[in-house]
Protein backbone atom coordinates (compact mmCIF):
# COMPACT_ATOMS: atom_id res chain seq x y z
CA MET A 1 0.00 0.00 0.00
CA GLY A 2 2.82 2.35 0.92
CA ALA A 3 4.58 1.63 -2.37
CA ALA A 4 1.43 2.48 -4.32
CA VAL A 5 1.07 5.73 -2.40
CA SER A 6 4.70 6.65 -3.07
CA VAL A 7 4.27 5.96 -6.77
CA LEU A 8 1.17 8.14 -6.96
CA SER A 9 3.07 10.96 -5.27
CA LEU A 10 5.11 11.36 -8.44
CA GLY A 11 3.80 14.07 -10.74
CA PHE A 12 4.16 12.17 -13.99
CA MET A 13 2.43 9.13 -12.46
CA GLN A 14 -0.49 11.25 -11.30
CA ARG A 15 -0.93 12.58 -14.82
CA ALA A 16 -0.60 9.09 -16.30
CA VAL A 17 -3.23 7.63 -13.93
CA ILE A 18 -5.68 10.45 -14.64
CA ALA A 19 -5.21 9.91 -18.35
CA ALA A 20 -5.61 6.15 -17.86
CA VAL A 21 -8.95 6.59 -16.08
CA LEU A 22 -10.27 8.86 -18.83
CA VAL A 23 -9.04 6.54 -21.58
CA GLY A 24 -10.38 3.48 -19.74
CA LEU A 25 -13.83 5.08 -19.72
CA THR A 26 -13.86 6.53 -23.21
CA ALA A 27 -12.35 3.69 -25.25
CA PRO A 28 -14.89 0.98 -24.25
CA ALA A 29 -17.75 3.48 -24.40
CA VAL A 30 -17.02 4.06 -28.09
CA GLY A 31 -15.85 0.50 -28.69
CA VAL A 32 -19.18 -1.03 -27.71
CA PHE A 33 -20.77 0.61 -30.77
CA LEU A 34 -17.92 -0.44 -33.04
CA VAL A 35 -18.29 -4.04 -31.87
CA GLN A 36 -22.04 -3.84 -32.45
CA ARG A 37 -21.34 -2.61 -35.98
CA ARG A 38 -18.74 -5.38 -36.53
CA LEU A 39 -16.07 -2.71 -37.01
CA ALA A 40 -13.80 -3.91 -34.23
CA LEU A 41 -10.67 -3.24 -36.29
CA MET A 42 -11.62 0.33 -37.13
CA GLY A 43 -9.60 1.61 -34.18
CA ASP A 44 -6.50 -0.03 -35.63
CA GLY A 45 -7.03 1.64 -38.98
CA ILE A 46 -7.58 5.04 -37.39
CA GLY A 47 -4.50 4.53 -35.23
CA HIS A 48 -2.37 4.06 -38.32
CA VAL A 49 -3.77 7.25 -39.83
CA ALA A 50 -3.13 9.11 -36.57
CA LEU A 51 0.50 8.02 -36.90
CA THR A 52 0.68 10.14 -40.04
CA GLY A 53 -0.76 13.03 -38.04
CA VAL A 54 1.90 12.63 -35.35
CA ALA A 55 4.66 12.62 -37.97
CA LEU A 56 3.09 15.68 -39.61
CA GLY A 57 3.29 17.47 -36.27
CA PHE A 58 7.03 16.74 -36.10
CA LEU A 59 7.45 17.95 -39.68
CA LEU A 60 5.59 21.21 -39.10
CA GLY A 61 7.01 21.80 -35.63
CA THR A 62 3.55 21.85 -34.02
CA ALA A 63 1.88 19.80 -31.30
CA PRO A 64 1.68 16.19 -32.60
CA VAL A 65 -1.51 15.52 -30.62
CA LEU A 66 -3.36 18.32 -32.40
CA THR A 67 -2.28 17.25 -35.88
CA ALA A 68 -3.08 13.63 -35.00
CA VAL A 69 -6.63 14.59 -34.02
CA ILE A 70 -7.14 16.49 -37.27
CA VAL A 71 -5.66 13.83 -39.56
CA ALA A 72 -7.35 10.91 -37.78
CA THR A 73 -10.73 12.64 -37.85
CA ALA A 74 -10.39 13.41 -41.54
CA GLY A 75 -9.37 9.82 -42.27
CA ALA A 76 -12.28 8.39 -40.27
CA VAL A 77 -14.78 10.61 -42.08
CA VAL A 78 -13.36 9.69 -45.48
CA ILE A 79 -13.44 5.98 -44.72
CA GLU A 80 -17.03 6.17 -43.47
CA LEU A 81 -18.12 8.03 -46.61
CA VAL A 82 -16.38 5.42 -48.77
CA ARG A 83 -18.11 2.65 -46.84
CA GLN A 84 -21.52 4.29 -47.23
CA GLN A 85 -21.07 4.58 -50.99
CA GLY A 86 -20.92 0.79 -51.14
CA ARG A 87 -18.29 0.71 -53.86
CA THR A 88 -15.56 -0.43 -51.49
CA GLY A 89 -16.13 -3.00 -48.77
CA GLY A 90 -15.45 -2.13 -45.15
CA ASP A 91 -12.50 -4.53 -44.97
CA VAL A 92 -10.88 -2.99 -48.05
CA ALA A 93 -11.43 0.52 -46.69
CA LEU A 94 -9.78 -0.45 -43.40
CA ALA A 95 -6.86 -1.95 -45.31
CA LEU A 96 -6.36 1.38 -47.04
CA LEU A 97 -6.18 3.04 -43.61
CA PHE A 98 -3.66 0.49 -42.37
CA TYR A 99 -1.22 0.73 -45.25
CA GLY A 100 -1.58 4.42 -46.02
CA GLY A 101 -1.28 5.45 -42.36
CA ILE A 102 1.90 3.48 -41.69
CA ALA A 103 3.54 4.53 -44.95
CA GLY A 104 2.66 8.19 -44.48
CA GLY A 105 3.90 8.25 -40.89
CA VAL A 106 7.25 6.64 -41.64
CA LEU A 107 7.75 8.84 -44.72
CA LEU A 108 6.97 12.12 -42.96
CA ILE A 109 9.01 11.40 -39.84
CA GLY A 110 11.95 10.51 -42.09
CA ILE A 111 11.95 13.89 -43.83
CA ALA A 112 11.16 15.92 -40.72
CA PRO A 113 14.11 18.05 -39.48
CA GLY A 114 15.93 15.98 -36.86
CA GLY A 115 13.22 13.34 -37.03
CA SER A 116 13.72 9.63 -36.58
CA ASN A 117 11.55 6.59 -36.12
CA ALA A 118 12.59 6.55 -32.46
CA ASN A 119 10.49 9.68 -31.96
CA LEU A 120 7.38 7.65 -32.73
CA LEU A 121 7.91 4.93 -30.12
CA SER A 122 6.14 6.72 -27.27
CA TYR A 123 3.16 7.34 -29.54
CA LEU A 124 3.10 3.77 -30.83
CA PHE A 125 3.21 1.99 -27.47
CA GLY A 126 2.54 4.67 -24.87
CA SER A 127 4.87 6.21 -22.29
CA LEU A 128 4.41 7.20 -18.65
CA THR A 129 6.68 10.23 -18.82
CA SER A 130 5.23 11.57 -22.07
CA VAL A 131 1.91 12.66 -20.50
CA ALA A 132 2.41 16.38 -19.99
CA PRO A 133 0.04 18.66 -18.01
CA ALA A 134 -1.26 20.09 -21.29
CA ASP A 135 -2.00 16.55 -22.49
CA VAL A 136 -4.08 15.87 -19.36
CA VAL A 137 -6.13 19.00 -20.01
CA LEU A 138 -6.67 18.09 -23.66
CA ILE A 139 -7.53 14.46 -22.84
CA SER A 140 -9.99 15.61 -20.16
CA ILE A 141 -11.77 17.96 -22.55
CA LEU A 142 -11.97 15.45 -25.40
CA ALA A 143 -13.07 12.60 -23.11
CA GLY A 144 -15.73 14.81 -21.54
CA VAL A 145 -17.09 15.80 -24.94
CA ILE A 146 -17.22 12.18 -26.13
CA LEU A 147 -18.90 10.84 -22.98
CA LEU A 148 -21.43 13.70 -22.97
CA THR A 149 -22.21 13.10 -26.64
CA LEU A 150 -22.76 9.40 -26.02
CA ALA A 151 -25.03 10.19 -23.09
CA ILE A 152 -27.18 12.35 -25.39
CA VAL A 153 -27.30 10.28 -28.59
CA GLY A 154 -26.28 6.85 -27.31
CA ARG A 155 -29.80 5.43 -27.61
CA GLN A 156 -30.18 6.57 -31.22
CA MET A 157 -26.67 5.38 -32.05
CA PHE A 158 -27.44 1.94 -30.65
CA ALA A 159 -30.55 1.76 -32.81
CA VAL A 160 -28.46 2.53 -35.90
CA CYS A 161 -25.79 -0.02 -34.96
CA HIS A 162 -28.38 -2.70 -34.22
CA ASP A 163 -30.50 -2.29 -37.36
CA GLU A 164 -29.55 0.48 -39.76
CA GLU A 165 -32.49 -0.03 -42.11
CA TYR A 166 -35.04 0.08 -39.29
CA ALA A 167 -33.39 3.21 -37.87
CA ARG A 168 -33.61 4.87 -41.29
CA ILE A 169 -37.30 3.99 -41.58
CA ALA A 170 -37.86 5.33 -38.06
CA GLY A 171 -36.54 8.70 -39.22
CA LEU A 172 -33.18 8.72 -37.46
CA PRO A 173 -30.30 10.63 -39.13
CA VAL A 174 -28.39 7.44 -39.92
CA ARG A 175 -25.66 9.01 -42.04
CA PHE A 176 -24.94 11.72 -39.48
CA LEU A 177 -24.82 9.23 -36.61
CA ASN A 178 -22.44 6.97 -38.53
CA LEU A 179 -20.15 9.90 -39.22
CA LEU A 180 -20.39 10.98 -35.59
CA LEU A 181 -19.33 7.51 -34.45
CA ALA A 182 -16.37 7.58 -36.83
CA VAL A 183 -15.28 10.98 -35.53
CA MET A 184 -15.59 9.87 -31.90
CA ALA A 185 -13.54 6.77 -32.66
CA ALA A 186 -10.82 8.95 -34.21
CA VAL A 187 -10.75 11.33 -31.25
CA THR A 188 -10.67 8.38 -28.82
CA VAL A 189 -7.66 6.88 -30.58
CA THR A 190 -5.72 10.13 -30.43
CA LEU A 191 -6.50 10.90 -26.79
CA ALA A 192 -5.42 7.37 -25.83
CA MET A 193 -2.14 7.32 -27.73
CA ARG A 194 -0.10 8.87 -24.90
CA VAL A 195 -1.08 6.09 -22.48
CA VAL A 196 -1.90 3.01 -24.55
CA GLY A 197 -0.20 3.78 -27.85
CA LEU A 198 -1.60 4.02 -31.36
CA LEU A 199 -0.90 0.37 -32.21
CA LEU A 200 -2.66 -0.99 -29.12
CA VAL A 201 -5.52 1.41 -28.42
CA SER A 202 -7.94 -0.64 -30.50
CA ALA A 203 -7.55 -3.51 -28.02
CA LEU A 204 -8.81 -1.28 -25.19
CA MET A 205 -11.82 -0.40 -27.35
CA VAL A 206 -12.68 -4.03 -28.03
CA VAL A 207 -11.41 -6.39 -25.32
CA PRO A 208 -13.34 -4.86 -22.36
CA VAL A 209 -16.52 -5.05 -24.46
CA ALA A 210 -15.84 -8.70 -25.29
CA THR A 211 -15.21 -9.34 -21.58
CA ALA A 212 -18.52 -7.73 -20.62
CA GLN A 213 -20.37 -9.82 -23.20
CA GLN A 214 -19.11 -12.96 -21.46
CA LEU A 215 -20.54 -11.85 -18.12
CA VAL A 216 -23.79 -9.98 -18.70
CA ARG A 217 -26.62 -9.59 -21.17
CA GLY A 218 -28.30 -6.40 -22.25
CA PHE A 219 -26.77 -3.28 -23.75
CA ARG A 220 -26.73 -1.10 -20.64
CA ALA A 221 -25.18 -3.80 -18.46
CA THR A 222 -22.60 -4.51 -21.14
CA VAL A 223 -21.60 -0.84 -21.25
CA MET A 224 -21.23 -0.59 -17.47
CA VAL A 225 -19.13 -3.75 -17.14
CA ALA A 226 -17.01 -2.75 -20.15
CA LEU A 227 -16.29 0.65 -18.60
CA ALA A 228 -15.30 -0.96 -15.29
CA SER A 229 -13.06 -3.46 -17.08
CA GLY A 230 -11.46 -0.71 -19.18
CA VAL A 231 -10.65 1.51 -16.20
CA LEU A 232 -9.31 -1.42 -14.16
CA SER A 233 -7.06 -2.58 -17.00
CA ALA A 234 -5.81 0.92 -17.83
CA VAL A 235 -5.01 1.98 -14.27
CA SER A 236 -3.47 -1.38 -13.32
CA GLY A 237 -1.36 -1.36 -16.48
CA VAL A 238 -0.09 2.18 -15.91
CA ILE A 239 0.88 1.53 -12.29
CA GLY A 240 2.31 -1.91 -13.06
CA SER A 241 4.42 -0.62 -15.93
CA TYR A 242 6.26 1.64 -13.50
CA TYR A 243 7.53 -1.42 -11.63
CA VAL A 244 8.24 -3.74 -14.56
CA LYS A 245 9.79 -0.93 -16.63
CA ALA A 246 7.68 -1.76 -19.68
CA ALA A 247 5.57 0.27 -22.08
CA PRO A 248 2.20 0.86 -20.39
CA GLY A 249 0.20 0.07 -23.51
CA ALA A 250 1.51 -3.49 -23.71
CA LEU A 251 0.78 -4.24 -20.05
CA ILE A 252 -2.69 -2.67 -20.28
CA VAL A 253 -3.60 -4.91 -23.21
CA VAL A 254 -2.15 -8.02 -21.54
CA LEU A 255 -4.20 -7.34 -18.40
CA ALA A 256 -7.33 -6.71 -20.47
CA LEU A 257 -6.80 -10.02 -22.30
CA ALA A 258 -6.25 -11.79 -18.98
CA GLY A 259 -9.55 -10.37 -17.76
CA PHE A 260 -11.24 -11.65 -20.90
CA GLY A 261 -9.76 -15.10 -20.34
CA LEU A 262 -10.95 -15.18 -16.73
CA ALA A 263 -14.43 -13.99 -17.72
CA THR A 264 -14.69 -16.58 -20.47
CA GLY A 265 -13.50 -19.38 -18.19
CA GLY A 266 -15.76 -18.29 -15.35
CA ALA A 267 -18.81 -18.01 -17.58
CA GLY A 268 -18.14 -21.46 -19.05
CA LEU A 269 -17.73 -22.96 -15.58
CA VAL A 270 -21.01 -21.45 -14.42
CA ARG A 271 -22.82 -22.89 -17.43
CA LEU A 272 -21.22 -26.25 -16.79
CA ILE A 273 -22.17 -26.56 -13.12
CA ARG A 274 -25.53 -24.76 -13.27
CA PRO A 275 -28.26 -27.24 -12.32
CA ALA A 276 -30.94 -28.07 -14.82
CA SER A 277 -33.54 -26.39 -12.60
CA ASP A 278 -31.87 -23.05 -13.36
CA VAL A 279 -32.41 -23.40 -17.11
CA PRO A 280 -35.10 -20.94 -18.24
CA ARG A 281 -38.39 -22.34 -19.44
CA GLN A 282 -37.71 -21.11 -22.96
CA GLU A 283 -34.48 -23.10 -23.04
CA MET A 284 -36.17 -26.17 -21.55
CA ALA A 285 -38.67 -26.10 -24.39
CA LEU A 286 -35.79 -26.44 -26.83
CA LEU A 287 -34.27 -29.46 -25.09
CA PRO A 288 -35.00 -32.90 -26.63
CA GLN A 289 -37.90 -34.54 -24.94
CA GLU A 290 -37.92 -38.14 -23.78
CA ALA A 291 -39.58 -40.40 -26.30
CA PRO A 292 -42.99 -41.78 -25.18
CA ARG A 293 -42.97 -45.36 -23.96
């Protein structure tokens, strides 16, 4: 306990933990809609595009976080518009993000004055000491905007993700909500890159949601459990990385995957040992009946 208190007395650890809490809340909150839309890998694609934004910041001598937000948002909007046109499948569109983002980032950082690929490591995998006070302020503002937006339009967005055609018939602005989800995913990726890293942030958007789906049913319960899992993984990974001297993003993802494994094993064990009397009547009706004598 004393060791934990001493760690949290360090300024850079305080900033990293605050950022981890905000990222742990925001990433699964957006990720639950991406999983519902079967776009679990969208965060990876946006992360690669954000890498180009980071490199552009080095090239222009500006704040890399700001340029990453702009470039990632533009890329997410473009990819969503391409997907809506129907001429290019979602998997092909994501592939374009993957390849173009990596190539653009490496190219720009190579021609930036004094730039090198080593400058990108803290953005790729996260870094405890890279979270500056200005980053905490920016992450807090962006996370607050995203969570407030989801609180306002989350019900409509779920309807679109669940059944887009029905939502369109019901009069919901489907195209706007799809674009809004893409923009929020892009902003989430960029605000998480300081803690989790661009290459691993997608895991924090998906794995806590998958963990929640193993434990509970219903959209609201899934969101709540996913948020709890995301915060626990992010904070534990940040604090643990201080002791093991590893990139926080890697440890956060490993802990999130461990939580998923425990949830899957626990849920399977419960189903295995649950007595037949606990099976709902609807399930009992589907069981094979004993043949008449």
